[in-house]
C-alpha atoms as a PDB file:
ATOM      1  CA  MET A   1      85.056 134.257  25.917  1.00  0.00           C
ATOM      2  CA  GLU A   2      81.622 131.649  25.678  1.00  0.00           C
ATOM      3  CA  MET A   3      81.877 131.459  29.715  1.00  0.00           C
ATOM      4  CA  GLU A   4      82.331 135.134  30.349  1.00  0.00           C
ATOM      5  CA  TRP A   5      79.145 135.911  28.397  1.00  0.00           C
ATOM      6  CA  LEU A   6      77.556 133.027  30.161  1.00  0.00           C
ATOM      7  CA  ALA A   7      78.124 134.529  33.487  1.00  0.00           C
ATOM      8  CA  TRP A   8      76.137 138.093  32.045  1.00  0.00           C
ATOM      9  CA  VAL A   9      73.232 136.185  31.034  1.00  0.00           C
ATOM     10  CA  LEU A  10      72.989 134.440  33.788  1.00  0.00           C
ATOM     11  CA  LEU A  11      73.175 137.612  35.975  1.00  0.00           C
ATOM     12  CA  ALA A  12      70.635 138.866  33.798  1.00  0.00           C
ATOM     13  CA  ALA A  13      68.466 136.080  34.076  1.00  0.00           C
ATOM     14  CA  VAL A  14      68.301 136.162  37.925  1.00  0.00           C
ATOM     15  CA  LEU A  15      67.611 139.742  38.096  1.00  0.00           C
ATOM     16  CA  LEU A  16      64.639 139.754  35.988  1.00  0.00           C
ATOM     17  CA  PHE A  17      63.497 136.347  37.759  1.00  0.00           C
ATOM     18  CA  THR A  18      63.540 138.566  40.793  1.00  0.00           C
ATOM     19  CA  THR A  19      61.864 141.079  39.020  1.00  0.00           C
ATOM     20  CA  ILE A  20      58.684 139.022  38.578  1.00  0.00           C
ATOM     21  CA  PHE A  21      58.031 138.562  42.024  1.00  0.00           C
ATOM     22  CA  LEU A  22      59.650 141.736  43.930  1.00  0.00           C
ATOM     23  CA  ARG A  23      58.723 145.331  43.359  1.00  0.00           C
ATOM     24  CA  LEU A  24      62.082 147.556  42.617  1.00  0.00           C
ATOM     25  CA  GLY A  25      62.102 148.945  45.557  1.00  0.00           C
ATOM     26  CA  GLY A  26      62.474 145.561  47.552  1.00  0.00           C
ATOM     27  CA  LEU A  27      64.925 144.058  44.277  1.00  0.00           C
ATOM     28  CA  VAL A  28      67.618 146.457  45.593  1.00  0.00           C
ATOM     29  CA  PRO A  29      69.358 143.838  48.343  1.00  0.00           C
ATOM     30  CA  LEU A  30      68.534 141.337  46.237  1.00  0.00           C
ATOM     31  CA  PHE A  31      70.735 142.847  43.436  1.00  0.00           C
ATOM     32  CA  ASP A  32      73.271 143.809  45.408  1.00  0.00           C
ATOM     33  CA  ALA A  33      73.581 140.376  46.826  1.00  0.00           C
ATOM     34  CA  ALA A  34      73.449 138.795  43.124  1.00  0.00           C
ATOM     35  CA  LEU A  35      76.169 141.301  42.354  1.00  0.00           C
ATOM     36  CA  ALA A  36      78.716 139.932  45.410  1.00  0.00           C
ATOM     37  CA  ILE A  37      77.934 136.509  44.162  1.00  0.00           C
ATOM     38  CA  TYR A  38      78.589 137.189  40.621  1.00  0.00           C
ATOM     39  CA  LEU A  39      81.782 138.712  41.615  1.00  0.00           C
ATOM     40  CA  ARG A  40      82.579 136.253  43.868  1.00  0.00           C
ATOM     41  CA  TRP A  41      82.361 133.587  41.466  1.00  0.00           C
ATOM     42  CA  ARG A  42      84.394 135.460  39.202  1.00  0.00           C
ATOM     43  CA  GLN A  43      87.095 135.553  42.062  1.00  0.00           C
ATOM     44  CA  PHE A  44      86.799 131.543  42.395  1.00  0.00           C
ATOM     45  CA  ARG A  45      87.297 131.057  38.879  1.00  0.00           C
ATOM     46  CA  CYS A  46      90.709 132.362  38.659  1.00  0.00           C
ATOM     47  CA  ARG A  47      91.634 130.880  41.792  1.00  0.00           C
ATOM     48  CA  ALA A  48      92.750 134.499  43.247  1.00  0.00           C
ATOM     49  CA  THR A  49      92.887 135.655  47.092  1.00  0.00           C
ATOM     50  CA  LYS A  50      91.923 138.976  47.860  1.00  0.00           C
ATOM     51  CA  LYS A  51      94.530 140.432  49.976  1.00  0.00           C
ATOM     52  CA  CYS A  52      95.212 144.339  51.288  1.00  0.00           C
ATOM     53  CA  ILE A  53      98.657 145.808  51.976  1.00  0.00           C
ATOM     54  CA  GLU A  54      98.536 149.048  54.109  1.00  0.00           C
ATOM     55  CA  LEU A  55     101.237 151.608  54.058  1.00  0.00           C
ATOM     56  CA  SER A  56     101.644 154.733  56.061  1.00  0.00           C
ATOM     57  CA  ASP A  57      99.477 156.874  54.094  1.00  0.00           C
ATOM     58  CA  TYR A  58      98.180 154.722  51.900  1.00  0.00           C
ATOM     59  CA  LYS A  59      95.765 151.232  51.681  1.00  0.00           C
ATOM     60  CA  PHE A  60      96.207 149.155  48.045  1.00  0.00           C
ATOM     61  CA  MET A  61      93.747 146.171  47.782  1.00  0.00           C
ATOM     62  CA  TYR A  62      94.792 143.324  45.114  1.00  0.00           C
ATOM     63  CA  LEU A  63      93.615 139.989  43.664  1.00  0.00           C
ATOM     64  CA  GLU A  64      96.563 137.446  43.896  1.00  0.00           C
ATOM     65  CA  HIS A  65      97.381 134.220  42.555  1.00  0.00           C
ATOM     66  CA  GLY A  66     100.402 131.859  43.059  1.00  0.00           C
ATOM     67  CA  SER A  67     103.451 133.041  44.559  1.00  0.00           C
ATOM     68  CA  ALA A  68     106.393 134.648  43.210  1.00  0.00           C
ATOM     69  CA  SER A  69     110.023 132.710  42.545  1.00  0.00           C
ATOM     70  CA  ARG A  70     112.705 132.964  39.668  1.00  0.00           C
ATOM     71  CA  GLU A  71     111.265 130.352  37.756  1.00  0.00           C
ATOM     72  CA  ARG A  72     107.585 131.502  37.916  1.00  0.00           C
ATOM     73  CA  PRO A  73     107.071 134.611  35.907  1.00  0.00           C
ATOM     74  CA  THR A  74     105.300 137.510  37.737  1.00  0.00           C
ATOM     75  CA  VAL A  75     102.505 139.687  35.906  1.00  0.00           C
ATOM     76  CA  LEU A  76     101.377 142.912  37.244  1.00  0.00           C
ATOM     77  CA  LEU A  77      97.888 143.712  35.643  1.00  0.00           C
ATOM     78  CA  LEU A  78      96.697 147.576  35.813  1.00  0.00           C
ATOM     79  CA  HIS A  79      92.829 148.261  34.853  1.00  0.00           C
ATOM     80  CA  GLY A  80      91.592 151.545  33.436  1.00  0.00           C
ATOM     81  CA  PHE A  81      90.027 154.289  34.204  1.00  0.00           C
ATOM     82  CA  THR A  82      86.807 153.794  36.354  1.00  0.00           C
ATOM     83  CA  SER A  83      87.078 149.954  36.515  1.00  0.00           C
ATOM     84  CA  GLY A  84      88.685 147.777  38.982  1.00  0.00           C
ATOM     85  CA  LYS A  85      90.798 144.736  39.619  1.00  0.00           C
ATOM     86  CA  GLU A  86      87.829 141.994  38.822  1.00  0.00           C
ATOM     87  CA  GLU A  87      88.092 143.118  35.176  1.00  0.00           C
ATOM     88  CA  TRP A  88      90.931 140.916  34.674  1.00  0.00           C
ATOM     89  CA  SER A  89      89.668 137.667  36.110  1.00  0.00           C
ATOM     90  CA  GLU A  90      89.328 135.917  33.236  1.00  0.00           C
ATOM     91  CA  ILE A  91      93.145 136.752  32.264  1.00  0.00           C
ATOM     92  CA  MET A  92      93.945 135.852  35.324  1.00  0.00           C
ATOM     93  CA  ARG A  93      92.351 132.552  34.667  1.00  0.00           C
ATOM     94  CA  LEU A  94      93.978 131.871  32.181  1.00  0.00           C
ATOM     95  CA  LEU A  95      97.930 133.085  33.298  1.00  0.00           C
ATOM     96  CA  GLY A  96      97.307 131.524  36.281  1.00  0.00           C
ATOM     97  CA  SER A  97      98.780 128.012  35.244  1.00  0.00           C
ATOM     98  CA  ALA A  98     102.116 129.073  34.348  1.00  0.00           C
ATOM     99  CA  CYS A  99     102.281 132.334  36.233  1.00  0.00           C
ATOM    100  CA  HIS A 100     101.947 134.349  39.437  1.00  0.00           C
ATOM    101  CA  VAL A 101      99.142 137.118  38.666  1.00  0.00           C
ATOM    102  CA  ILE A 102      98.491 140.388  40.552  1.00  0.00           C
ATOM    103  CA  ALA A 103      95.645 142.473  39.902  1.00  0.00           C
ATOM    104  CA  VAL A 104      95.779 145.951  41.681  1.00  0.00           C
ATOM    105  CA  ASP A 105      92.908 148.277  41.872  1.00  0.00           C
ATOM    106  CA  MET A 106      94.679 151.321  41.059  1.00  0.00           C
ATOM    107  CA  PRO A 107      95.147 154.641  42.716  1.00  0.00           C
ATOM    108  CA  GLY A 108      91.676 155.820  43.521  1.00  0.00           C
ATOM    109  CA  HIS A 109      89.737 152.896  42.242  1.00  0.00           C
ATOM    110  CA  GLY A 110      88.128 150.038  43.950  1.00  0.00           C
ATOM    111  CA  GLU A 111      88.906 149.234  47.509  1.00  0.00           C
ATOM    112  CA  THR A 112      92.178 151.367  47.145  1.00  0.00           C
ATOM    113  CA  THR A 113      92.926 154.353  49.211  1.00  0.00           C
ATOM    114  CA  ARG A 114      90.584 157.570  47.386  1.00  0.00           C
ATOM    115  CA  ASN A 115      92.242 160.809  47.781  1.00  0.00           C
ATOM    116  CA  PRO A 116      90.285 163.614  46.372  1.00  0.00           C
ATOM    117  CA  ARG A 117      93.322 165.894  46.951  1.00  0.00           C
ATOM    118  CA  GLY A 118      96.057 163.302  45.995  1.00  0.00           C
ATOM    119  CA  ASP A 119      98.138 163.546  42.663  1.00  0.00           C
ATOM    120  CA  HIS A 120      96.060 161.637  39.920  1.00  0.00           C
ATOM    121  CA  SER A 121      98.082 163.065  36.828  1.00  0.00           C
ATOM    122  CA  ILE A 122      99.581 159.797  35.005  1.00  0.00           C
ATOM    123  CA  VAL A 123     103.130 160.779  37.046  1.00  0.00           C
ATOM    124  CA  GLY A 124     101.482 160.505  40.547  1.00  0.00           C
ATOM    125  CA  ALA A 125      99.776 157.219  39.411  1.00  0.00           C
ATOM    126  CA  VAL A 126     103.115 155.703  38.423  1.00  0.00           C
ATOM    127  CA  ALA A 127     104.949 157.057  41.556  1.00  0.00           C
ATOM    128  CA  ARG A 128     102.031 154.702  43.392  1.00  0.00           C
ATOM    129  CA  VAL A 129     102.464 151.738  41.031  1.00  0.00           C
ATOM    130  CA  ARG A 130     106.258 152.082  41.945  1.00  0.00           C
ATOM    131  CA  GLN A 131     105.207 152.154  45.826  1.00  0.00           C
ATOM    132  CA  PHE A 132     102.948 149.172  45.260  1.00  0.00           C
ATOM    133  CA  VAL A 133     105.395 146.790  43.591  1.00  0.00           C
ATOM    134  CA  GLU A 134     108.215 147.581  46.062  1.00  0.00           C
ATOM    135  CA  ALA A 135     105.705 146.856  49.167  1.00  0.00           C
ATOM    136  CA  VAL A 136     104.694 143.475  47.771  1.00  0.00           C
ATOM    137  CA  GLY A 137     108.408 142.627  47.203  1.00  0.00           C
ATOM    138  CA  ILE A 138     108.087 141.490  43.486  1.00  0.00           C
ATOM    139  CA  LEU A 139     110.933 143.453  42.450  1.00  0.00           C
ATOM    140  CA  GLU A 140     113.333 140.482  43.708  1.00  0.00           C
ATOM    141  CA  HIS A 141     113.059 138.830  40.975  1.00  0.00           C
ATOM    142  CA  GLY A 142     111.650 141.531  38.479  1.00  0.00           C
ATOM    143  CA  PHE A 143     108.053 141.519  37.148  1.00  0.00           C
ATOM    144  CA  HIS A 144     105.873 141.622  33.649  1.00  0.00           C
ATOM    145  CA  VAL A 145     103.554 144.651  33.710  1.00  0.00           C
ATOM    146  CA  VAL A 146     100.307 144.351  31.625  1.00  0.00           C
ATOM    147  CA  GLY A 147      97.998 147.745  31.456  1.00  0.00           C
ATOM    148  CA  SER A 148      94.787 148.604  29.517  1.00  0.00           C
ATOM    149  CA  SER A 149      93.427 152.072  28.336  1.00  0.00           C
ATOM    150  CA  TRP A 150      94.382 154.610  31.090  1.00  0.00           C
ATOM    151  CA  GLY A 151      96.353 151.545  32.922  1.00  0.00           C
ATOM    152  CA  GLY A 152      97.928 151.128  29.828  1.00  0.00           C
ATOM    153  CA  HIS A 153      99.122 154.747  29.796  1.00  0.00           C
ATOM    154  CA  VAL A 154     100.712 154.350  33.380  1.00  0.00           C
ATOM    155  CA  ALA A 155     102.308 151.174  32.372  1.00  0.00           C
ATOM    156  CA  GLY A 156     103.999 152.351  29.534  1.00  0.00           C
ATOM    157  CA  VAL A 157     105.005 155.529  31.253  1.00  0.00           C
ATOM    158  CA  TYR A 158     106.366 153.261  34.494  1.00  0.00           C
ATOM    159  CA  ALA A 159     108.161 151.135  31.905  1.00  0.00           C
ATOM    160  CA  SER A 160     110.157 154.557  30.331  1.00  0.00           C
ATOM    161  CA  LYS A 161     110.809 155.633  33.766  1.00  0.00           C
ATOM    162  CA  TYR A 162     111.752 152.105  35.727  1.00  0.00           C
ATOM    163  CA  PRO A 163     113.464 149.942  32.856  1.00  0.00           C
ATOM    164  CA  ASP A 164     114.882 147.924  36.024  1.00  0.00           C
ATOM    165  CA  ARG A 165     113.319 144.530  37.013  1.00  0.00           C
ATOM    166  CA  LEU A 166     111.009 144.897  34.349  1.00  0.00           C
ATOM    167  CA  HIS A 167     110.921 142.068  31.844  1.00  0.00           C
ATOM    168  CA  SER A 168     108.013 142.791  29.618  1.00  0.00           C
ATOM    169  CA  LEU A 169     105.579 145.202  28.616  1.00  0.00           C
ATOM    170  CA  THR A 170     101.829 144.791  27.470  1.00  0.00           C
ATOM    171  CA  LEU A 171      99.518 147.634  26.029  1.00  0.00           C
ATOM    172  CA  MET A 172      96.156 147.102  25.512  1.00  0.00           C
ATOM    173  CA  CYS A 173      94.643 149.700  23.747  1.00  0.00           C
ATOM    174  CA  PRO A 174      96.371 152.261  26.002  1.00  0.00           C
ATOM    175  CA  SER A 175      95.812 156.305  26.457  1.00  0.00           C
ATOM    176  CA  GLY A 176      98.276 158.766  25.901  1.00  0.00           C
ATOM    177  CA  LEU A 177      98.378 158.624  22.249  1.00  0.00           C
ATOM    178  CA  GLU A 178      97.692 161.540  20.167  1.00  0.00           C
ATOM    179  CA  PRO A 179      95.209 159.531  17.787  1.00  0.00           C
ATOM    180  CA  LYS A 180      95.079 160.386  13.766  1.00  0.00           C
ATOM    181  CA  ASN A 181      90.965 160.129  14.257  1.00  0.00           C
ATOM    182  CA  ILE A 182      88.186 161.198  16.175  1.00  0.00           C
ATOM    183  CA  THR A 183      86.413 158.371  18.016  1.00  0.00           C
ATOM    184  CA  ARG A 184      82.794 158.236  19.072  1.00  0.00           C
ATOM    185  CA  PHE A 185      84.085 158.793  22.676  1.00  0.00           C
ATOM    186  CA  VAL A 186      86.134 161.956  21.870  1.00  0.00           C
ATOM    187  CA  ARG A 187      83.656 163.558  20.223  1.00  0.00           C
ATOM    188  CA  ALA A 188      81.455 163.546  22.608  1.00  0.00           C
ATOM    189  CA  LEU A 189      83.838 164.676  24.785  1.00  0.00           C
ATOM    190  CA  MET A 190      83.973 167.580  22.467  1.00  0.00           C
ATOM    191  CA  GLU A 191      80.479 168.160  22.842  1.00  0.00           C
ATOM    192  CA  GLY A 192      80.737 168.099  26.793  1.00  0.00           C
ATOM    193  CA  ARG A 193      79.836 164.677  27.587  1.00  0.00           C
ATOM    194  CA  ASN A 194      82.182 161.841  29.143  1.00  0.00           C
ATOM    195  CA  TYR A 195      80.493 158.564  28.118  1.00  0.00           C
ATOM    196  CA  LEU A 196      82.759 157.678  31.142  1.00  0.00           C
ATOM    197  CA  LEU A 197      80.501 158.834  33.920  1.00  0.00           C
ATOM    198  CA  PRO A 198      76.829 158.325  33.064  1.00  0.00           C
ATOM    199  CA  VAL A 199      74.429 159.117  35.377  1.00  0.00           C
ATOM    200  CA  ASP A 200      71.188 157.414  34.260  1.00  0.00           C
ATOM    201  CA  SER A 201      70.188 154.257  32.738  1.00  0.00           C
ATOM    202  CA  GLU A 202      70.225 155.576  29.349  1.00  0.00           C
ATOM    203  CA  GLU A 203      73.952 156.755  29.789  1.00  0.00           C
ATOM    204  CA  PHE A 204      74.719 153.899  30.837  1.00  0.00           C
ATOM    205  CA  ALA A 205      73.746 151.984  28.060  1.00  0.00           C
ATOM    206  CA  GLU A 206      75.160 154.212  25.782  1.00  0.00           C
ATOM    207  CA  PHE A 207      78.472 153.842  27.505  1.00  0.00           C
ATOM    208  CA  LEU A 208      78.425 150.174  27.426  1.00  0.00           C
ATOM    209  CA  SER A 209      77.638 150.516  23.653  1.00  0.00           C
ATOM    210  CA  CYS A 210      80.413 152.766  23.249  1.00  0.00           C
ATOM    211  CA  VAL A 211      83.142 150.264  24.890  1.00  0.00           C
ATOM    212  CA  PHE A 212      81.848 147.057  23.849  1.00  0.00           C
ATOM    213  CA  TYR A 213      81.783 145.836  20.474  1.00  0.00           C
ATOM    214  CA  ARG A 214      78.556 143.513  21.608  1.00  0.00           C
ATOM    215  CA  GLN A 215      76.805 145.073  24.422  1.00  0.00           C
ATOM    216  CA  PRO A 216      76.084 142.866  27.406  1.00  0.00           C
ATOM    217  CA  PRO A 217      72.857 141.510  27.724  1.00  0.00           C
ATOM    218  CA  LEU A 218      71.308 143.993  30.941  1.00  0.00           C
ATOM    219  CA  PRO A 219      68.373 144.972  31.180  1.00  0.00           C
ATOM    220  CA  ARG A 220      68.132 149.205  31.925  1.00  0.00           C
ATOM    221  CA  TRP A 221      66.221 149.105  35.318  1.00  0.00           C
ATOM    222  CA  ALA A 222      69.358 146.866  36.524  1.00  0.00           C
ATOM    223  CA  LEU A 223      71.954 149.449  35.074  1.00  0.00           C
ATOM    224  CA  ALA A 224      69.917 152.103  36.882  1.00  0.00           C
ATOM    225  CA  ILE A 225      70.489 150.284  39.998  1.00  0.00           C
ATOM    226  CA  GLY A 226      74.205 149.808  39.581  1.00  0.00           C
ATOM    227  CA  LEU A 227      74.749 152.941  38.886  1.00  0.00           C
ATOM    228  CA  ARG A 228      74.132 153.291  42.577  1.00  0.00           C
ATOM    229  CA  ASP A 229      77.931 152.799  43.299  1.00  0.00           C
ATOM    230  CA  ARG A 230      79.170 154.579  40.384  1.00  0.00           C
ATOM    231  CA  VAL A 231      77.485 158.058  40.824  1.00  0.00           C
ATOM    232  CA  PRO A 232      78.490 159.292  44.086  1.00  0.00           C
ATOM    233  CA  HIS A 233      82.258 159.077  43.053  1.00  0.00           C
ATOM    234  CA  TYR A 234      82.058 161.264  40.174  1.00  0.00           C
ATOM    235  CA  PRO A 235      83.079 164.506  41.766  1.00  0.00           C
ATOM    236  CA  PHE A 236      86.354 162.103  42.533  1.00  0.00           C
ATOM    237  CA  PHE A 237      86.450 160.702  39.154  1.00  0.00           C
ATOM    238  CA  GLU A 238      86.205 163.999  37.337  1.00  0.00           C
ATOM    239  CA  THR A 239      88.674 165.668  39.745  1.00  0.00           C
ATOM    240  CA  VAL A 240      91.118 162.521  38.461  1.00  0.00           C
ATOM    241  CA  PHE A 241      90.249 162.859  34.788  1.00  0.00           C
ATOM    242  CA  ASP A 242      90.741 166.810  34.735  1.00  0.00           C
ATOM    243  CA  GLN A 243      94.228 166.070  36.052  1.00  0.00           C
ATOM    244  CA  LEU A 244      94.696 163.180  33.115  1.00  0.00           C
ATOM    245  CA  MET A 245      93.632 165.907  30.226  1.00  0.00           C
ATOM    246  CA  GLU A 246      96.374 168.407  31.688  1.00  0.00           C
ATOM    247  CA  PRO A 247      98.801 169.281  28.972  1.00  0.00           C
ATOM    248  CA  ASP A 248     101.706 167.924  30.105  1.00  0.00           C
ATOM    249  CA  GLN A 249      99.737 164.423  31.232  1.00  0.00           C
ATOM    250  CA  ARG A 250      97.493 163.563  28.182  1.00  0.00           C
ATOM    251  CA  PHE A 251     100.111 162.527  25.934  1.00  0.00           C
ATOM    252  CA  LEU A 252     102.718 161.619  28.086  1.00  0.00           C
ATOM    253  CA  LEU A 253     102.807 158.085  26.971  1.00  0.00           C
ATOM    254  CA  GLN A 254     103.465 159.002  23.296  1.00  0.00           C
ATOM    255  CA  LYS A 255     106.705 161.255  24.676  1.00  0.00           C
ATOM    256  CA  SER A 256     107.859 158.463  26.258  1.00  0.00           C
ATOM    257  CA  LEU A 257     107.939 155.446  23.809  1.00  0.00           C
ATOM    258  CA  VAL A 258     111.233 156.183  22.981  1.00  0.00           C
ATOM    259  CA  ASP A 259     112.682 155.363  26.038  1.00  0.00           C
ATOM    260  CA  ILE A 260     110.895 151.925  26.615  1.00  0.00           C
ATOM    261  CA  LYS A 261     113.156 149.167  26.153  1.00  0.00           C
ATOM    262  CA  ALA A 262     111.309 146.432  27.462  1.00  0.00           C
ATOM    263  CA  ALA A 263     110.138 143.963  25.195  1.00  0.00           C
ATOM    264  CA  THR A 264     106.337 144.635  24.245  1.00  0.00           C
ATOM    265  CA  LEU A 265     103.020 143.322  23.127  1.00  0.00           C
ATOM    266  CA  ALA A 266     100.608 145.843  22.042  1.00  0.00           C
ATOM    267  CA  MET A 267      96.931 145.117  21.326  1.00  0.00           C
ATOM    268  CA  TRP A 268      94.027 146.986  19.846  1.00  0.00           C
ATOM    269  CA  GLY A 269      90.403 146.016  19.109  1.00  0.00           C
ATOM    270  CA  LYS A 270      89.648 146.458  15.813  1.00  0.00           C
ATOM    271  CA  TYR A 271      86.618 148.407  16.452  1.00  0.00           C
ATOM    272  CA  ASP A 272      87.541 150.796  19.461  1.00  0.00           C
ATOM    273  CA  GLN A 273      85.171 153.367  19.416  1.00  0.00           C
ATOM    274  CA  VAL A 274      87.131 154.861  22.732  1.00  0.00           C
ATOM    275  CA  LEU A 275      90.852 155.299  21.753  1.00  0.00           C
ATOM    276  CA  ASP A 276      91.949 155.493  18.073  1.00  0.00           C
ATOM    277  CA  PRO A 277      92.914 151.884  16.819  1.00  0.00           C
ATOM    278  CA  SER A 278      95.587 154.001  14.750  1.00  0.00           C
ATOM    279  CA  GLY A 279      97.362 153.819  17.805  1.00  0.00           C
ATOM    280  CA  LEU A 280      98.330 150.380  17.242  1.00  0.00           C
ATOM    281  CA  GLU A 281     100.582 151.298  14.390  1.00  0.00           C
ATOM    282  CA  ILE A 282     102.174 154.489  16.713  1.00  0.00           C
ATOM    283  CA  LEU A 283     103.380 151.567  19.252  1.00  0.00           C
ATOM    284  CA  SER A 284     104.891 149.464  16.471  1.00  0.00           C
ATOM    285  CA  LYS A 285     106.785 152.341  15.129  1.00  0.00           C
ATOM    286  CA  GLU A 286     108.043 153.925  18.101  1.00  0.00           C
ATOM    287  CA  ILE A 287     108.806 151.206  20.505  1.00  0.00           C
ATOM    288  CA  SER A 288     112.111 149.561  18.926  1.00  0.00           C
ATOM    289  CA  ASN A 289     111.160 146.343  20.503  1.00  0.00           C
ATOM    290  CA  CYS A 290     107.238 145.856  19.880  1.00  0.00           C
ATOM    291  CA  GLU A 291     104.779 143.154  18.715  1.00  0.00           C
ATOM    292  CA  GLY A 292     101.326 144.331  17.467  1.00  0.00           C
ATOM    293  CA  HIS A 293      98.023 142.553  17.352  1.00  0.00           C
ATOM    294  CA  SER A 294      94.492 144.136  15.953  1.00  0.00           C
ATOM    295  CA  LEU A 295      91.722 142.013  17.657  1.00  0.00           C
ATOM    296  CA  ASP A 296      88.700 141.384  15.636  1.00  0.00           C
ATOM    297  CA  GLU A 297      84.929 141.585  17.174  1.00  0.00           C
ATOM    298  CA  CYS A 298      86.810 143.610  19.563  1.00  0.00           C
ATOM    299  CA  GLY A 299      86.373 147.026  21.130  1.00  0.00           C
ATOM    300  CA  HIS A 300      87.499 148.696  23.915  1.00  0.00           C
ATOM    301  CA  THR A 301      87.547 146.117  26.585  1.00  0.00           C
ATOM    302  CA  VAL A 302      89.825 143.785  25.054  1.00  0.00           C
ATOM    303  CA  ALA A 303      90.115 142.057  28.595  1.00  0.00           C
ATOM    304  CA  ILE A 304      86.764 140.669  28.611  1.00  0.00           C
ATOM    305  CA  GLU A 305      85.727 140.725  25.078  1.00  0.00           C
ATOM    306  CA  GLN A 306      88.874 138.566  23.690  1.00  0.00           C
ATOM    307  CA  ALA A 307      89.873 137.417  26.763  1.00  0.00           C
ATOM    308  CA  ALA A 308      91.005 133.789  25.234  1.00  0.00           C
ATOM    309  CA  ALA A 309      93.144 135.419  22.343  1.00  0.00           C
ATOM    310  CA  ALA A 310      94.358 138.417  24.567  1.00  0.00           C
ATOM    311  CA  GLY A 311      95.420 135.993  27.583  1.00  0.00           C
ATOM    312  CA  ASN A 312      97.046 133.387  25.131  1.00  0.00           C
ATOM    313  CA  LEU A 313      99.213 136.326  23.540  1.00  0.00           C
ATOM    314  CA  ILE A 314     100.128 137.465  26.725  1.00  0.00           C
ATOM    315  CA  LYS A 315     101.307 134.404  28.269  1.00  0.00           C
ATOM    316  CA  GLN A 316     103.122 133.499  24.864  1.00  0.00           C
ATOM    317  CA  HIS A 317     104.750 136.890  25.365  1.00  0.00           C
ATOM    318  CA  ILE A 318     105.885 136.527  28.870  1.00  0.00           C
ATOM    319  CA  LEU A 319     107.156 133.294  28.543  1.00  0.00           C
ATOM    320  CA  ARG A 320     109.323 134.317  25.529  1.00  0.00           C
ATOM    321  CA  HIS A 321     111.075 136.714  27.301  1.00  0.00           C
ATOM    322  CA  HIS A 322     111.223 135.478  30.836  1.00  0.00           C
ATOM    323  CA  GLN A 323     114.085 133.290  30.965  1.00  0.00           C
ATOM    324  CA  ASN A 324     116.374 135.916  29.416  1.00  0.00           C
ATOM    325  CA  SER A 325     115.132 138.675  31.679  1.00  0.00           C
ATOM    326  CA  VAL A 326     115.787 136.538  34.669  1.00  0.00           C
ATOM    327  CA  VAL A 327     119.494 135.172  33.322  1.00  0.00           C
ATOM    328  CA  ASN A 328     120.161 138.915  32.464  1.00  0.00           C
ATOM    329  CA  ILE A 329     119.327 139.883  36.190  1.00  0.00           C
ATOM    330  CA  HIS A 330     121.143 137.269  37.900  1.00  0.00           C
END
């Protein structure tokens, strides 16, 4: 956790330093270089290799640490909406000593194929995840799946539909549950504002204050530059979001909980302003074998704000349930 915040501070310091000597127009390529170095540093810290698998109609990009074996658990990490595989870098580092870890860019996100005419419903995403696990060959020994937010929604429905070769499930503040309380994010949606799609530095700062318990220390002009890579994809993300809000998709995880048989670990940030923390109670009650944890000093971004605590809980959960699952399969 300390290293994660140090990375944010270092990036902010580099950007502030360059502002003293360069006009804003000249800062853009330097910002791109600094961001590339930062992402590369995160990849290096978790000792991951970036890989690509191309199918006839689709390309998946993913980060991988280690290799699969019967003795070494394979863990698949599914990120949240508008995020990317790099979200998991600290969790990958923590799991890497004991596990084979894969973090994939989810359908339409990051460097994975983005098809505006594709099926981006929860059901469609589940089908793509199944396509990916078959293509990378992790079904042979089975695997553990971890999902955050939208990725948690997809992971949970996947677990209900494809229990075969799934050793365990971890859900981190997943969407797809009917909340008891209206959160700041949901209230904004009701007012016609989507915090996940900010269009200027002020809205980006508001987005960060909503998803984090402690907002990262980035200046607003840096946020404005950072928006350049997000805003062009908003028409696509709006299409995806509309599909996710369809009545038959919005709460699909809740309808699927009764069919989840895998041993489940559930985590929720105590101060989540995006998705209501009461979802933790729903998961613990409705999934037959579920262990729940509420994480203090944490908002919606569990994998970033509480990486150490979450990583240790995930590792313990995986190692506890891995051997029994392997014995049952073989």
